[in-house]
Amino acid sequence: MEQLKPTRPSSYLALAIISTIICCMPLGIVSIVYAAKVNSLYEDGNYDEAIRASKNAKNWGIASIVTGVVIYLGVVLIYGAILMAALSNGSF
């Protein structure tokens, strides 16, 4: 009797690529590595490992986006503070 395959987990490759390009490259690259493993692990019959790689790809992609947003907000706040200081001193 043939064993039923579980549903193929999502690779989250699009999330990984977008988060790498737009947000935080180092964390996005880790997400791409895990996303690339999902399909081959699934086809090899390593279903638990494929699910684990899928979850890791998603988590690293989200971490990349959150890190990118925090960095962008930090930069905006720093430049805003510098601009406010320059305006208050009349040197701008």
N, C-alpha and C. Protein backbone atom coordinates (compact mmCIF):
# COMPACT_ATOMS: atom_id res chain seq x y z
N MET A 1 0.84 -1.18 0.00
CA MET A 1 0.00 0.00 0.00
C MET A 1 0.89 1.25 0.00
N GLU A 2 0.56 2.18 -0.87
CA GLU A 2 1.35 3.40 -1.02
C GLU A 2 1.03 4.39 0.09
N GLN A 3 2.07 4.95 0.65
CA GLN A 3 1.90 5.93 1.72
C GLN A 3 1.44 7.25 1.10
N LEU A 4 0.46 7.88 1.72
CA LEU A 4 -0.05 9.16 1.23
C LEU A 4 0.93 10.27 1.59
N LYS A 5 1.22 11.08 0.60
CA LYS A 5 2.12 12.21 0.84
C LYS A 5 1.33 13.34 1.50
N PRO A 6 1.93 13.99 2.49
CA PRO A 6 1.28 15.18 3.03
C PRO A 6 1.33 16.31 2.01
N THR A 7 0.55 17.31 2.24
CA THR A 7 0.53 18.46 1.34
C THR A 7 1.90 19.12 1.31
N ARG A 8 2.31 19.50 0.11
CA ARG A 8 3.62 20.16 -0.05
C ARG A 8 3.58 21.50 0.69
N PRO A 9 4.55 21.74 1.56
CA PRO A 9 4.58 23.03 2.26
C PRO A 9 5.03 24.14 1.32
N SER A 10 4.60 25.34 1.62
CA SER A 10 5.01 26.49 0.82
C SER A 10 6.50 26.75 1.03
N SER A 11 7.16 27.14 -0.04
CA SER A 11 8.59 27.42 0.08
C SER A 11 8.86 28.85 0.52
N TYR A 12 7.89 29.74 0.36
CA TYR A 12 8.03 31.15 0.71
C TYR A 12 9.20 31.80 -0.04
N LEU A 13 9.46 31.30 -1.26
CA LEU A 13 10.57 31.83 -2.04
C LEU A 13 10.34 33.29 -2.44
N ALA A 14 9.11 33.64 -2.80
CA ALA A 14 8.82 35.02 -3.17
C ALA A 14 9.07 35.96 -2.00
N LEU A 15 8.60 35.57 -0.82
CA LEU A 15 8.84 36.37 0.39
C LEU A 15 10.33 36.52 0.63
N ALA A 16 11.07 35.44 0.46
CA ALA A 16 12.51 35.46 0.70
C ALA A 16 13.22 36.40 -0.27
N ILE A 17 12.86 36.34 -1.53
CA ILE A 17 13.50 37.19 -2.53
C ILE A 17 13.15 38.66 -2.31
N ILE A 18 11.88 38.93 -2.09
CA ILE A 18 11.44 40.32 -1.88
C ILE A 18 12.08 40.90 -0.62
N SER A 19 12.11 40.12 0.45
CA SER A 19 12.71 40.63 1.68
C SER A 19 14.21 40.85 1.54
N THR A 20 14.85 40.07 0.68
CA THR A 20 16.28 40.25 0.44
C THR A 20 16.54 41.52 -0.36
N ILE A 21 15.75 41.75 -1.37
CA ILE A 21 15.96 42.91 -2.24
C ILE A 21 15.56 44.21 -1.54
N ILE A 22 14.44 44.22 -0.87
CA ILE A 22 13.89 45.46 -0.32
C ILE A 22 14.36 45.74 1.10
N CYS A 23 14.51 44.74 1.91
CA CYS A 23 14.70 44.98 3.34
C CYS A 23 16.12 44.73 3.83
N CYS A 24 16.36 43.56 4.30
CA CYS A 24 17.62 43.27 4.99
C CYS A 24 18.29 42.08 4.30
N MET A 25 19.36 42.34 3.57
CA MET A 25 19.98 41.31 2.75
C MET A 25 20.48 40.09 3.52
N PRO A 26 21.22 40.23 4.62
CA PRO A 26 21.75 39.03 5.28
C PRO A 26 20.65 38.07 5.75
N LEU A 27 19.61 38.60 6.36
CA LEU A 27 18.52 37.73 6.84
C LEU A 27 17.72 37.18 5.67
N GLY A 28 17.57 37.95 4.63
CA GLY A 28 16.85 37.48 3.44
C GLY A 28 17.57 36.34 2.75
N ILE A 29 18.88 36.38 2.75
CA ILE A 29 19.66 35.30 2.13
C ILE A 29 19.45 33.99 2.89
N VAL A 30 19.41 34.07 4.20
CA VAL A 30 19.13 32.86 4.99
C VAL A 30 17.76 32.33 4.63
N SER A 31 16.79 33.22 4.46
CA SER A 31 15.45 32.81 4.07
C SER A 31 15.46 32.13 2.70
N ILE A 32 16.23 32.65 1.76
CA ILE A 32 16.32 32.04 0.42
C ILE A 32 16.92 30.64 0.52
N VAL A 33 17.92 30.47 1.35
CA VAL A 33 18.56 29.15 1.49
C VAL A 33 17.54 28.13 1.98
N TYR A 34 16.77 28.49 3.01
CA TYR A 34 15.76 27.55 3.51
C TYR A 34 14.66 27.32 2.49
N ALA A 35 14.25 28.38 1.78
CA ALA A 35 13.19 28.24 0.78
C ALA A 35 13.62 27.30 -0.35
N ALA A 36 14.90 27.36 -0.71
CA ALA A 36 15.40 26.50 -1.78
C ALA A 36 15.43 25.03 -1.38
N LYS A 37 15.47 24.75 -0.10
CA LYS A 37 15.53 23.36 0.37
C LYS A 37 14.17 22.67 0.41
N VAL A 38 13.09 23.45 0.49
CA VAL A 38 11.77 22.86 0.75
C VAL A 38 11.38 21.82 -0.29
N ASN A 39 11.42 22.17 -1.56
CA ASN A 39 10.95 21.25 -2.61
C ASN A 39 11.80 19.99 -2.71
N SER A 40 13.12 20.14 -2.59
CA SER A 40 13.97 18.95 -2.71
C SER A 40 13.78 18.02 -1.51
N LEU A 41 13.62 18.59 -0.33
CA LEU A 41 13.36 17.74 0.85
C LEU A 41 12.03 17.02 0.72
N TYR A 42 11.03 17.72 0.21
CA TYR A 42 9.71 17.10 0.03
C TYR A 42 9.78 15.96 -0.98
N GLU A 43 10.45 16.20 -2.10
CA GLU A 43 10.56 15.16 -3.14
C GLU A 43 11.38 13.96 -2.67
N ASP A 44 12.32 14.18 -1.76
CA ASP A 44 13.12 13.09 -1.21
C ASP A 44 12.37 12.31 -0.13
N GLY A 45 11.19 12.77 0.24
CA GLY A 45 10.40 12.08 1.25
C GLY A 45 10.68 12.54 2.66
N ASN A 46 11.48 13.56 2.83
CA ASN A 46 11.77 14.12 4.15
C ASN A 46 10.73 15.19 4.48
N TYR A 47 9.51 14.75 4.75
CA TYR A 47 8.39 15.67 4.91
C TYR A 47 8.54 16.57 6.14
N ASP A 48 8.99 16.00 7.24
CA ASP A 48 9.17 16.81 8.45
C ASP A 48 10.24 17.87 8.26
N GLU A 49 11.32 17.50 7.61
CA GLU A 49 12.38 18.47 7.34
C GLU A 49 11.92 19.54 6.35
N ALA A 50 11.09 19.15 5.38
CA ALA A 50 10.55 20.12 4.42
C ALA A 50 9.65 21.13 5.13
N ILE A 51 8.84 20.66 6.05
CA ILE A 51 7.98 21.55 6.83
C ILE A 51 8.83 22.48 7.70
N ARG A 52 9.87 21.93 8.30
CA ARG A 52 10.77 22.74 9.13
C ARG A 52 11.47 23.80 8.28
N ALA A 53 11.93 23.44 7.10
CA ALA A 53 12.59 24.40 6.21
C ALA A 53 11.61 25.48 5.76
N SER A 54 10.36 25.09 5.52
CA SER A 54 9.34 26.06 5.14
C SER A 54 9.10 27.07 6.26
N LYS A 55 8.97 26.58 7.47
CA LYS A 55 8.77 27.49 8.61
C LYS A 55 9.97 28.40 8.81
N ASN A 56 11.17 27.85 8.65
CA ASN A 56 12.38 28.67 8.79
C ASN A 56 12.45 29.74 7.70
N ALA A 57 12.09 29.39 6.47
CA ALA A 57 12.09 30.37 5.38
C ALA A 57 11.12 31.50 5.69
N LYS A 58 9.94 31.15 6.17
CA LYS A 58 8.94 32.17 6.52
C LYS A 58 9.43 33.04 7.66
N ASN A 59 9.95 32.43 8.72
CA ASN A 59 10.40 33.19 9.88
C ASN A 59 11.56 34.12 9.54
N TRP A 60 12.54 33.64 8.77
CA TRP A 60 13.67 34.49 8.39
C TRP A 60 13.22 35.59 7.44
N GLY A 61 12.28 35.33 6.58
CA GLY A 61 11.74 36.37 5.69
C GLY A 61 11.05 37.47 6.48
N ILE A 62 10.24 37.06 7.45
CA ILE A 62 9.55 38.04 8.30
C ILE A 62 10.57 38.82 9.13
N ALA A 63 11.57 38.12 9.66
CA ALA A 63 12.61 38.80 10.44
C ALA A 63 13.35 39.82 9.57
N SER A 64 13.58 39.50 8.32
CA SER A 64 14.24 40.41 7.40
C SER A 64 13.40 41.66 7.18
N ILE A 65 12.10 41.48 6.99
CA ILE A 65 11.21 42.62 6.77
C ILE A 65 11.15 43.49 8.02
N VAL A 66 10.98 42.88 9.18
CA VAL A 66 10.91 43.64 10.43
C VAL A 66 12.21 44.41 10.67
N THR A 67 13.33 43.75 10.46
CA THR A 67 14.63 44.41 10.64
C THR A 67 14.78 45.58 9.68
N GLY A 68 14.40 45.38 8.43
CA GLY A 68 14.47 46.47 7.46
C GLY A 68 13.61 47.66 7.85
N VAL A 69 12.38 47.39 8.30
CA VAL A 69 11.48 48.47 8.72
C VAL A 69 12.07 49.22 9.92
N VAL A 70 12.60 48.49 10.89
CA VAL A 70 13.21 49.13 12.07
C VAL A 70 14.40 50.00 11.66
N ILE A 71 15.22 49.51 10.77
CA ILE A 71 16.38 50.29 10.31
C ILE A 71 15.92 51.54 9.57
N TYR A 72 14.94 51.39 8.67
CA TYR A 72 14.44 52.55 7.93
C TYR A 72 13.84 53.59 8.88
N LEU A 73 13.06 53.14 9.84
CA LEU A 73 12.47 54.08 10.81
C LEU A 73 13.55 54.75 11.64
N GLY A 74 14.57 54.00 12.03
CA GLY A 74 15.67 54.59 12.79
C GLY A 74 16.38 55.67 12.00
N VAL A 75 16.62 55.42 10.74
CA VAL A 75 17.29 56.41 9.88
C VAL A 75 16.42 57.66 9.76
N VAL A 76 15.13 57.49 9.55
CA VAL A 76 14.22 58.63 9.44
C VAL A 76 14.20 59.42 10.74
N LEU A 77 14.14 58.73 11.86
CA LEU A 77 14.14 59.43 13.15
C LEU A 77 15.44 60.19 13.38
N ILE A 78 16.56 59.60 13.05
CA ILE A 78 17.85 60.27 13.23
C ILE A 78 17.94 61.51 12.34
N TYR A 79 17.58 61.36 11.06
CA TYR A 79 17.62 62.52 10.17
C TYR A 79 16.61 63.58 10.60
N GLY A 80 15.47 63.15 11.09
CA GLY A 80 14.47 64.10 11.59
C GLY A 80 15.00 64.87 12.79
N ALA A 81 15.68 64.19 13.69
CA ALA A 81 16.25 64.85 14.87
C ALA A 81 17.35 65.83 14.45
N ILE A 82 18.17 65.44 13.50
CA ILE A 82 19.22 66.34 13.01
C ILE A 82 18.61 67.57 12.34
N LEU A 83 17.58 67.36 11.56
CA LEU A 83 16.90 68.47 10.89
C LEU A 83 16.26 69.40 11.90
N MET A 84 15.60 68.84 12.90
CA MET A 84 14.97 69.67 13.94
C MET A 84 16.03 70.47 14.71
N ALA A 85 17.15 69.85 15.00
CA ALA A 85 18.23 70.56 15.71
C ALA A 85 18.80 71.68 14.84
N ALA A 86 18.94 71.43 13.56
CA ALA A 86 19.46 72.46 12.66
C ALA A 86 18.48 73.61 12.52
N LEU A 87 17.18 73.28 12.46
CA LEU A 87 16.18 74.33 12.34
C LEU A 87 16.08 75.17 13.60
N SER A 88 16.21 74.54 14.76
CA SER A 88 16.09 75.27 16.01
C SER A 88 17.31 76.16 16.27
N ASN A 89 18.45 75.82 15.72
CA ASN A 89 19.66 76.64 15.88
C ASN A 89 19.75 77.73 14.83
N GLY A 90 18.88 77.67 13.85
CA GLY A 90 18.89 78.66 12.78
C GLY A 90 20.02 78.47 11.79
N SER A 91 20.63 77.32 11.79
CA SER A 91 21.76 77.10 10.90
C SER A 91 21.34 76.43 9.60
N PHE A 92 20.07 76.35 9.36
CA PHE A 92 19.61 75.71 8.14
C PHE A 92 18.91 76.68 7.25
